[in-house]
Structures are given as C-alpha cells and as structure tokens.
Amino acid sequence: MSKSSQNRRQFLKNTGKAGIALATAPILSSWNFSSNEFQQQALPYAYNALEPFIDALTMEIHYTKHAATYAKNVADACTAEKVNTDTTSLRTLLANISKFSAKMRNNAGGHFNHEFFWQIMKPSPATVPQNELAEAINKTFGSFTAFQTAFSDAAKARFGSGWAWLIVKADGQLAVCSTANQDNPLMDIAEMKGEPIIGLDVWEHAYYLKYQNKRPDYINNWWNLVNWELANKHFVSFNKK
C-alpha cells in the first residue's frame, strides 16, 4: 500500500453502542472531523509535507502507530465502559474524564490531542498571528516574541512526556500551560482549564528520530509550521459563543 493510500485510510470504527448519561456537546467548530470523531481522521497533508522541520518517517510512525493506537484504544474503552459515541461527543467525554478509567483518560486524551496537533500544523512557511488572535496575544503577553518565549519555555520545562498549549480560558483571556502525558486543558482534572488554540506534542516519539535529545531545537523549528489562520478562526469562534 502506498503512503498516500495510508494517509487516506480511516482507522478502526468504534462499535460501542451502550449509553451513558452524559450531556452532548458540539465538537470543536473550527477543527475538521470529516467522520466519526472517535475515529482517526485522514492527515491533511502528506507525511513529507512538514520537512525539513518534521521528517517524513517521524510523521508516518507518529500517525500510523502512535496516534492510530490511541484511536483504537479509546474505541475499545468506550465499548468496555458503555459510552455511546452516537450521543456523547469526544469533548463531553474529556470534560467528564475523572469518571472513567486511566485507559479512557490516556487514550481519549491521546486521540483528541493528536487530531488537534495534525490540524494546527501546515507546510511552511508559517505566517504570524493576524487579526483578533494577534491583538489578544499582544494584549496578554506584550508581544508575539514574548508569547513565543513563554510557550517555548512551557514546552521545554515539561518534565517527561506531555504537551504545551495556548488556551483561551472561560473568561476569554489567553494563557500558556502544559499538561503531562496525554492530558489536555479540556479535561475536568486539568490544573488550568480552557479551550486549546494551539498545542505542541513534546513526547519523544514526536521528534527523536530527527532531533534525538535536543527538544529545544524541535520546539524552535516547530514555529515554522503553525497554522495561524486556523488558530485565529477557532479563537474567533470560541469568543462568539
């Protein structure tokens, strides 16, 4: 099978049909789920599209092995724990994650985080934030450069595996935070809760083939890939709720 065919495959349909009493919620309006959000979605670009900053082999392994496993395991967990994915959104599940097993927490988070991550990147060259998001970043951090430093520092300082995030909190204010493992700011157990605007995977499998132990180099290069147009669209969408 060719790599392009692999890119278009959708993995592992969720078969869990039993229900739980959780309210439904819409999926992220600015992030594209073309089918069941509990399934792995097709990549929006080829494995080699993010070179030279992320290499093709890393992307292929990351997508087809690591991310595909999260999609499979969250489907299995939903079946085992009687989550009806026809009536319960992924976001609702994350907002109630403390009620579920460690397997559900790790894999629901891992699935959401990776689907988010693929879309917040695009082939370089990256632009810079524009319009409403740029104004909010300048207001909160003083400048885009100051924001980049704060975000990069959060990514570099995350001990072990995890993620760095730019979020918008319930009060509409931006903030930078990081989470361990596959946690994210949508979870009810998160130390800082909010709506993700951009997120960076700092698990070693995201960068080790190219950067080895040089996480700062990976972080610095990743700024060339941020999809600021989509980030601004989501920021605006959230603020209109």
C-alpha atoms as a PDB file:
ATOM      1  CA  MET A   1       0.000   0.000   0.000  1.00  0.00           C
ATOM      2  CA  SER A   2       1.345   3.454  -0.883  1.00  0.00           C
ATOM      3  CA  LYS A   3       1.911   6.161   1.674  1.00  0.00           C
ATOM      4  CA  SER A   4      -0.743   8.324   0.034  1.00  0.00           C
ATOM      5  CA  SER A   5      -3.231   5.485   0.374  1.00  0.00           C
ATOM      6  CA  GLN A   6      -2.286   5.083   4.012  1.00  0.00           C
ATOM      7  CA  ASN A   7      -2.881   8.790   4.520  1.00  0.00           C
ATOM      8  CA  ARG A   8      -6.431   8.468   3.270  1.00  0.00           C
ATOM      9  CA  ARG A   9      -7.340   5.450   5.365  1.00  0.00           C
ATOM     10  CA  GLN A  10      -9.615   5.905   8.322  1.00  0.00           C
ATOM     11  CA  PHE A  11      -8.924   3.563  11.187  1.00  0.00           C
ATOM     12  CA  LEU A  12     -10.966   1.383  13.465  1.00  0.00           C
ATOM     13  CA  LYS A  13     -14.649   2.145  13.601  1.00  0.00           C
ATOM     14  CA  ASN A  14     -15.954   2.377  17.103  1.00  0.00           C
ATOM     15  CA  THR A  15     -18.529  -0.313  17.844  1.00  0.00           C
ATOM     16  CA  GLY A  16     -19.649   0.718  21.327  1.00  0.00           C
ATOM     17  CA  LYS A  17     -23.409   1.302  21.356  1.00  0.00           C
ATOM     18  CA  ALA A  18     -24.354   1.245  25.026  1.00  0.00           C
ATOM     19  CA  GLY A  19     -25.274   4.584  26.542  1.00  0.00           C
ATOM     20  CA  ILE A  20     -24.195   6.703  29.488  1.00  0.00           C
ATOM     21  CA  ALA A  21     -25.993   9.709  30.906  1.00  0.00           C
ATOM     22  CA  LEU A  22     -23.684  12.487  29.720  1.00  0.00           C
ATOM     23  CA  ALA A  23     -24.925  15.612  28.005  1.00  0.00           C
ATOM     24  CA  THR A  24     -23.802  16.037  24.442  1.00  0.00           C
ATOM     25  CA  ALA A  25     -21.682  18.950  23.259  1.00  0.00           C
ATOM     26  CA  PRO A  26     -20.573  20.110  19.802  1.00  0.00           C
ATOM     27  CA  ILE A  27     -17.143  19.187  18.538  1.00  0.00           C
ATOM     28  CA  LEU A  28     -14.625  21.954  18.046  1.00  0.00           C
ATOM     29  CA  SER A  29     -16.295  24.016  15.368  1.00  0.00           C
ATOM     30  CA  SER A  30     -13.061  25.096  13.692  1.00  0.00           C
ATOM     31  CA  TRP A  31     -11.383  21.671  13.672  1.00  0.00           C
ATOM     32  CA  ASN A  32     -12.362  19.350  10.891  1.00  0.00           C
ATOM     33  CA  PHE A  33     -13.755  15.926  11.757  1.00  0.00           C
ATOM     34  CA  SER A  34     -14.925  14.587   8.419  1.00  0.00           C
ATOM     35  CA  SER A  35     -16.449  11.488  10.027  1.00  0.00           C
ATOM     36  CA  ASN A  36     -16.996   9.977  13.480  1.00  0.00           C
ATOM     37  CA  GLU A  37     -14.761  11.995  15.820  1.00  0.00           C
ATOM     38  CA  PHE A  38     -13.801   8.832  17.706  1.00  0.00           C
ATOM     39  CA  GLN A  39     -12.132   7.539  14.535  1.00  0.00           C
ATOM     40  CA  GLN A  40      -8.709   8.558  13.316  1.00  0.00           C
ATOM     41  CA  GLN A  41      -9.074  11.162  10.573  1.00  0.00           C
ATOM     42  CA  ALA A  42      -7.018  11.391   7.400  1.00  0.00           C
ATOM     43  CA  LEU A  43      -3.943  13.593   7.594  1.00  0.00           C
ATOM     44  CA  PRO A  44      -4.491  16.963   5.880  1.00  0.00           C
ATOM     45  CA  TYR A  45      -1.088  16.662   4.131  1.00  0.00           C
ATOM     46  CA  ALA A  46       1.485  14.064   3.055  1.00  0.00           C
ATOM     47  CA  TYR A  47       3.985  12.563   5.504  1.00  0.00           C
ATOM     48  CA  ASN A  48       6.822  14.591   3.968  1.00  0.00           C
ATOM     49  CA  ALA A  49       4.907  17.879   3.787  1.00  0.00           C
ATOM     50  CA  LEU A  50       6.366  19.272   7.022  1.00  0.00           C
ATOM     51  CA  GLU A  51      10.010  18.715   6.085  1.00  0.00           C
ATOM     52  CA  PRO A  52      12.622  19.822   6.879  1.00  0.00           C
ATOM     53  CA  PHE A  53      11.218  20.618  10.319  1.00  0.00           C
ATOM     54  CA  ILE A  54       9.461  17.273  10.883  1.00  0.00           C
ATOM     55  CA  ASP A  55      10.714  14.401   8.770  1.00  0.00           C
ATOM     56  CA  ALA A  56       8.533  12.016   6.787  1.00  0.00           C
ATOM     57  CA  LEU A  57       9.482   8.879   8.736  1.00  0.00           C
ATOM     58  CA  THR A  58       8.645  10.501  12.065  1.00  0.00           C
ATOM     59  CA  MET A  59       5.271  11.623  10.700  1.00  0.00           C
ATOM     60  CA  GLU A  60       4.472   8.188   9.291  1.00  0.00           C
ATOM     61  CA  ILE A  61       5.338   6.366  12.520  1.00  0.00           C
ATOM     62  CA  HIS A  62       3.644   9.013  14.673  1.00  0.00           C
ATOM     63  CA  TYR A  63       0.423   8.854  12.652  1.00  0.00           C
ATOM     64  CA  THR A  64       0.145   5.157  11.763  1.00  0.00           C
ATOM     65  CA  LYS A  65       1.489   3.695  15.017  1.00  0.00           C
ATOM     66  CA  HIS A  66       1.163   6.038  17.987  1.00  0.00           C
ATOM     67  CA  ALA A  67      -1.933   8.033  17.023  1.00  0.00           C
ATOM     68  CA  ALA A  68      -3.681   5.031  15.472  1.00  0.00           C
ATOM     69  CA  THR A  69      -3.222   3.133  18.733  1.00  0.00           C
ATOM     70  CA  TYR A  70      -4.912   5.908  20.709  1.00  0.00           C
ATOM     71  CA  ALA A  71      -7.866   5.799  18.301  1.00  0.00           C
ATOM     72  CA  LYS A  72      -8.167   2.027  18.640  1.00  0.00           C
ATOM     73  CA  ASN A  73      -7.825   2.072  22.411  1.00  0.00           C
ATOM     74  CA  VAL A  74     -10.349   4.842  23.008  1.00  0.00           C
ATOM     75  CA  ALA A  75     -12.866   2.897  20.904  1.00  0.00           C
ATOM     76  CA  ASP A  76     -12.186  -0.211  22.998  1.00  0.00           C
ATOM     77  CA  ALA A  77     -12.511   1.787  26.221  1.00  0.00           C
ATOM     78  CA  CYS A  78     -15.823   3.281  25.093  1.00  0.00           C
ATOM     79  CA  THR A  79     -17.181  -0.207  24.449  1.00  0.00           C
ATOM     80  CA  ALA A  80     -15.955  -1.523  27.788  1.00  0.00           C
ATOM     81  CA  GLU A  81     -17.183   1.478  29.781  1.00  0.00           C
ATOM     82  CA  LYS A  82     -20.530   1.787  27.999  1.00  0.00           C
ATOM     83  CA  VAL A  83     -20.020   5.152  26.335  1.00  0.00           C
ATOM     84  CA  ASN A  84     -22.454   5.658  23.464  1.00  0.00           C
ATOM     85  CA  THR A  85     -20.395   7.513  20.895  1.00  0.00           C
ATOM     86  CA  ASP A  86     -23.503   8.223  18.815  1.00  0.00           C
ATOM     87  CA  THR A  87     -24.783  10.562  21.541  1.00  0.00           C
ATOM     88  CA  THR A  88     -21.650  11.524  23.504  1.00  0.00           C
ATOM     89  CA  SER A  89     -19.059  13.820  21.958  1.00  0.00           C
ATOM     90  CA  LEU A  90     -15.336  13.483  22.480  1.00  0.00           C
ATOM     91  CA  ARG A  91     -15.280  16.883  24.165  1.00  0.00           C
ATOM     92  CA  THR A  92     -18.020  15.834  26.601  1.00  0.00           C
ATOM     93  CA  LEU A  93     -16.086  12.703  27.425  1.00  0.00           C
ATOM     94  CA  LEU A  94     -12.963  14.759  28.164  1.00  0.00           C
ATOM     95  CA  ALA A  95     -14.953  17.187  30.319  1.00  0.00           C
ATOM     96  CA  ASN A  96     -16.059  14.224  32.466  1.00  0.00           C
ATOM     97  CA  ILE A  97     -12.869  12.179  32.281  1.00  0.00           C
ATOM     98  CA  SER A  98     -12.489  11.840  36.064  1.00  0.00           C
ATOM     99  CA  LYS A  99     -15.461   9.455  35.991  1.00  0.00           C
ATOM    100  CA  PHE A 100     -13.624   6.978  33.794  1.00  0.00           C
ATOM    101  CA  SER A 101     -10.638   4.642  33.853  1.00  0.00           C
ATOM    102  CA  ALA A 102      -6.991   5.501  33.344  1.00  0.00           C
ATOM    103  CA  LYS A 103      -7.215   3.737  29.981  1.00  0.00           C
ATOM    104  CA  MET A 104     -10.004   6.064  28.899  1.00  0.00           C
ATOM    105  CA  ARG A 105      -8.166   9.145  30.157  1.00  0.00           C
ATOM    106  CA  ASN A 106      -4.913   8.265  28.409  1.00  0.00           C
ATOM    107  CA  ASN A 107      -6.468   7.264  25.100  1.00  0.00           C
ATOM    108  CA  ALA A 108      -9.294   9.790  24.808  1.00  0.00           C
ATOM    109  CA  GLY A 109      -6.731  12.479  25.532  1.00  0.00           C
ATOM    110  CA  GLY A 110      -4.200  10.970  23.165  1.00  0.00           C
ATOM    111  CA  HIS A 111      -6.745  10.708  20.364  1.00  0.00           C
ATOM    112  CA  PHE A 112      -8.030  14.270  20.740  1.00  0.00           C
ATOM    113  CA  ASN A 113      -4.549  15.743  21.166  1.00  0.00           C
ATOM    114  CA  HIS A 114      -3.198  14.140  18.015  1.00  0.00           C
ATOM    115  CA  GLU A 115      -6.188  15.050  15.854  1.00  0.00           C
ATOM    116  CA  PHE A 116      -5.750  18.613  17.110  1.00  0.00           C
ATOM    117  CA  PHE A 117      -1.986  18.543  16.507  1.00  0.00           C
ATOM    118  CA  TRP A 118      -2.190  17.461  12.862  1.00  0.00           C
ATOM    119  CA  GLN A 119      -4.532  20.323  12.042  1.00  0.00           C
ATOM    120  CA  ILE A 120      -2.670  23.067  13.895  1.00  0.00           C
ATOM    121  CA  MET A 121       0.287  22.472  11.575  1.00  0.00           C
ATOM    122  CA  LYS A 122       0.643  23.160   7.878  1.00  0.00           C
ATOM    123  CA  PRO A 123       3.527  23.087   5.400  1.00  0.00           C
ATOM    124  CA  SER A 124       5.907  26.016   5.909  1.00  0.00           C
ATOM    125  CA  PRO A 125       6.464  28.864   5.658  1.00  0.00           C
ATOM    126  CA  ALA A 126       4.338  29.810   8.616  1.00  0.00           C
ATOM    127  CA  THR A 127       2.881  33.252   8.944  1.00  0.00           C
ATOM    128  CA  VAL A 128       2.363  35.080  12.226  1.00  0.00           C
ATOM    129  CA  PRO A 129      -0.926  35.552  14.084  1.00  0.00           C
ATOM    130  CA  GLN A 130      -3.260  38.047  12.477  1.00  0.00           C
ATOM    131  CA  ASN A 131      -6.392  39.961  13.380  1.00  0.00           C
ATOM    132  CA  GLU A 132      -8.204  39.065  16.613  1.00  0.00           C
ATOM    133  CA  LEU A 133      -5.740  36.451  17.860  1.00  0.00           C
ATOM    134  CA  ALA A 134      -2.738  38.719  17.240  1.00  0.00           C
ATOM    135  CA  GLU A 135      -4.439  41.501  19.174  1.00  0.00           C
ATOM    136  CA  ALA A 136      -5.215  39.165  22.072  1.00  0.00           C
ATOM    137  CA  ILE A 137      -1.648  37.811  22.163  1.00  0.00           C
ATOM    138  CA  ASN A 138      -0.191  41.314  22.241  1.00  0.00           C
ATOM    139  CA  LYS A 139      -2.622  42.370  24.954  1.00  0.00           C
ATOM    140  CA  THR A 140      -1.876  39.340  27.158  1.00  0.00           C
ATOM    141  CA  PHE A 141       1.852  38.819  26.606  1.00  0.00           C
ATOM    142  CA  GLY A 142       3.037  42.225  25.407  1.00  0.00           C
ATOM    143  CA  SER A 143       4.293  40.970  22.042  1.00  0.00           C
ATOM    144  CA  PHE A 144       4.346  37.902  19.823  1.00  0.00           C
ATOM    145  CA  THR A 145       8.002  37.348  20.720  1.00  0.00           C
ATOM    146  CA  ALA A 146       7.193  37.364  24.428  1.00  0.00           C
ATOM    147  CA  PHE A 147       4.392  34.861  23.807  1.00  0.00           C
ATOM    148  CA  GLN A 148       6.708  32.578  21.815  1.00  0.00           C
ATOM    149  CA  THR A 149       9.191  32.619  24.683  1.00  0.00           C
ATOM    150  CA  ALA A 150       6.529  31.778  27.258  1.00  0.00           C
ATOM    151  CA  PHE A 151       5.117  28.947  25.139  1.00  0.00           C
ATOM    152  CA  SER A 152       8.551  27.535  24.255  1.00  0.00           C
ATOM    153  CA  ASP A 153       9.615  27.666  27.894  1.00  0.00           C
ATOM    154  CA  ALA A 154       6.491  25.707  28.913  1.00  0.00           C
ATOM    155  CA  ALA A 155       7.276  23.082  26.266  1.00  0.00           C
ATOM    156  CA  LYS A 156      10.933  22.831  27.281  1.00  0.00           C
ATOM    157  CA  ALA A 157      10.137  22.659  31.002  1.00  0.00           C
ATOM    158  CA  ARG A 158       7.521  19.883  30.741  1.00  0.00           C
ATOM    159  CA  PHE A 159       9.211  17.004  32.572  1.00  0.00           C
ATOM    160  CA  GLY A 160       8.980  13.724  30.691  1.00  0.00           C
ATOM    161  CA  SER A 161       6.214  13.395  28.136  1.00  0.00           C
ATOM    162  CA  GLY A 162       3.413  15.872  27.559  1.00  0.00           C
ATOM    163  CA  TRP A 163       2.110  18.898  25.707  1.00  0.00           C
ATOM    164  CA  ALA A 164       2.349  22.697  25.683  1.00  0.00           C
ATOM    165  CA  TRP A 165      -0.770  24.750  24.982  1.00  0.00           C
ATOM    166  CA  LEU A 166      -2.046  28.202  24.212  1.00  0.00           C
ATOM    167  CA  ILE A 167      -5.581  28.282  25.578  1.00  0.00           C
ATOM    168  CA  VAL A 168      -8.401  30.727  26.000  1.00  0.00           C
ATOM    169  CA  LYS A 169      -9.951  30.471  29.448  1.00  0.00           C
ATOM    170  CA  ALA A 170     -13.619  30.765  30.332  1.00  0.00           C
ATOM    171  CA  ASP A 171     -13.168  34.483  30.995  1.00  0.00           C
ATOM    172  CA  GLY A 172     -11.877  34.981  27.447  1.00  0.00           C
ATOM    173  CA  GLN A 173      -8.253  35.538  28.495  1.00  0.00           C
ATOM    174  CA  LEU A 174      -5.351  33.759  26.816  1.00  0.00           C
ATOM    175  CA  ALA A 175      -2.888  31.681  28.831  1.00  0.00           C
ATOM    176  CA  VAL A 176       0.030  29.313  28.271  1.00  0.00           C
ATOM    177  CA  CYS A 177       0.133  25.997  30.117  1.00  0.00           C
ATOM    178  CA  SER A 178       1.413  22.447  29.779  1.00  0.00           C
ATOM    179  CA  THR A 179      -0.013  19.036  30.603  1.00  0.00           C
ATOM    180  CA  ALA A 180       1.557  15.693  31.379  1.00  0.00           C
ATOM    181  CA  ASN A 181       1.239  12.577  29.242  1.00  0.00           C
ATOM    182  CA  GLN A 182      -1.945  12.821  27.123  1.00  0.00           C
ATOM    183  CA  ASP A 183      -3.901  15.154  29.389  1.00  0.00           C
ATOM    184  CA  ASN A 184      -5.268  18.388  27.959  1.00  0.00           C
ATOM    185  CA  PRO A 185      -6.966  21.587  29.185  1.00  0.00           C
ATOM    186  CA  LEU A 186     -10.448  20.319  28.240  1.00  0.00           C
ATOM    187  CA  MET A 187     -10.323  17.689  30.987  1.00  0.00           C
ATOM    188  CA  ASP A 188     -12.050  18.229  34.296  1.00  0.00           C
ATOM    189  CA  ILE A 189      -8.837  17.145  36.051  1.00  0.00           C
ATOM    190  CA  ALA A 190      -6.678  19.790  34.315  1.00  0.00           C
ATOM    191  CA  GLU A 191      -4.811  22.229  36.579  1.00  0.00           C
ATOM    192  CA  MET A 192      -5.587  25.019  34.078  1.00  0.00           C
ATOM    193  CA  LYS A 193      -8.757  24.603  32.041  1.00  0.00           C
ATOM    194  CA  GLY A 194      -9.534  26.247  28.743  1.00  0.00           C
ATOM    195  CA  GLU A 195     -10.092  25.909  25.035  1.00  0.00           C
ATOM    196  CA  PRO A 196      -6.953  24.869  23.113  1.00  0.00           C
ATOM    197  CA  ILE A 197      -5.855  27.325  20.432  1.00  0.00           C
ATOM    198  CA  ILE A 198      -2.502  25.743  19.575  1.00  0.00           C
ATOM    199  CA  GLY A 199      -0.768  22.719  21.067  1.00  0.00           C
ATOM    200  CA  LEU A 200       2.668  21.136  20.751  1.00  0.00           C
ATOM    201  CA  ASP A 201       3.449  17.450  21.310  1.00  0.00           C
ATOM    202  CA  VAL A 202       6.703  17.082  23.282  1.00  0.00           C
ATOM    203  CA  TRP A 203       6.652  13.313  23.624  1.00  0.00           C
ATOM    204  CA  GLU A 204       9.970  11.930  22.366  1.00  0.00           C
ATOM    205  CA  HIS A 205       8.271   9.970  19.590  1.00  0.00           C
ATOM    206  CA  ALA A 206       7.288  13.328  18.045  1.00  0.00           C
ATOM    207  CA  TYR A 207      10.879  14.383  17.441  1.00  0.00           C
ATOM    208  CA  TYR A 208      13.536  11.863  18.493  1.00  0.00           C
ATOM    209  CA  LEU A 209      14.431  10.417  15.070  1.00  0.00           C
ATOM    210  CA  LYS A 210      15.469  13.842  13.791  1.00  0.00           C
ATOM    211  CA  TYR A 211      16.424  15.757  16.935  1.00  0.00           C
ATOM    212  CA  GLN A 212      17.473  12.994  19.362  1.00  0.00           C
ATOM    213  CA  ASN A 213      17.525  14.559  22.842  1.00  0.00           C
ATOM    214  CA  LYS A 214      17.509  18.151  21.545  1.00  0.00           C
ATOM    215  CA  ARG A 215      13.935  19.050  22.402  1.00  0.00           C
ATOM    216  CA  PRO A 216      14.654  22.818  22.283  1.00  0.00           C
ATOM    217  CA  ASP A 217      15.733  22.529  18.629  1.00  0.00           C
ATOM    218  CA  TYR A 218      12.480  20.740  17.771  1.00  0.00           C
ATOM    219  CA  ILE A 219      10.450  23.396  19.583  1.00  0.00           C
ATOM    220  CA  ASN A 220      12.275  26.266  17.885  1.00  0.00           C
ATOM    221  CA  ASN A 221      11.780  24.729  14.436  1.00  0.00           C
ATOM    222  CA  TRP A 222       8.127  23.890  15.058  1.00  0.00           C
ATOM    223  CA  TRP A 223       7.190  27.586  14.906  1.00  0.00           C
ATOM    224  CA  ASN A 224       7.699  27.328  11.135  1.00  0.00           C
ATOM    225  CA  LEU A 225       4.667  25.027  10.917  1.00  0.00           C
ATOM    226  CA  VAL A 226       1.944  26.665  12.998  1.00  0.00           C
ATOM    227  CA  ASN A 227      -1.353  27.123  11.165  1.00  0.00           C
ATOM    228  CA  TRP A 228      -2.185  30.582  12.485  1.00  0.00           C
ATOM    229  CA  GLU A 229      -5.115  31.060  10.131  1.00  0.00           C
ATOM    230  CA  LEU A 230      -6.902  28.087  11.669  1.00  0.00           C
ATOM    231  CA  ALA A 231      -5.897  29.107  15.184  1.00  0.00           C
ATOM    232  CA  ASN A 232      -7.389  32.567  14.651  1.00  0.00           C
ATOM    233  CA  LYS A 233     -10.568  31.052  13.213  1.00  0.00           C
ATOM    234  CA  HIS A 234     -11.027  28.925  16.288  1.00  0.00           C
ATOM    235  CA  PHE A 235     -10.233  31.788  18.657  1.00  0.00           C
ATOM    236  CA  VAL A 236     -12.884  33.930  16.982  1.00  0.00           C
ATOM    237  CA  SER A 237     -15.376  31.053  17.017  1.00  0.00           C
ATOM    238  CA  PHE A 238     -14.871  30.489  20.737  1.00  0.00           C
ATOM    239  CA  ASN A 239     -15.297  34.169  21.572  1.00  0.00           C
ATOM    240  CA  LYS A 240     -18.613  34.289  19.710  1.00  0.00           C
ATOM    241  CA  LYS A 241     -20.151  31.546  21.897  1.00  0.00           C
END
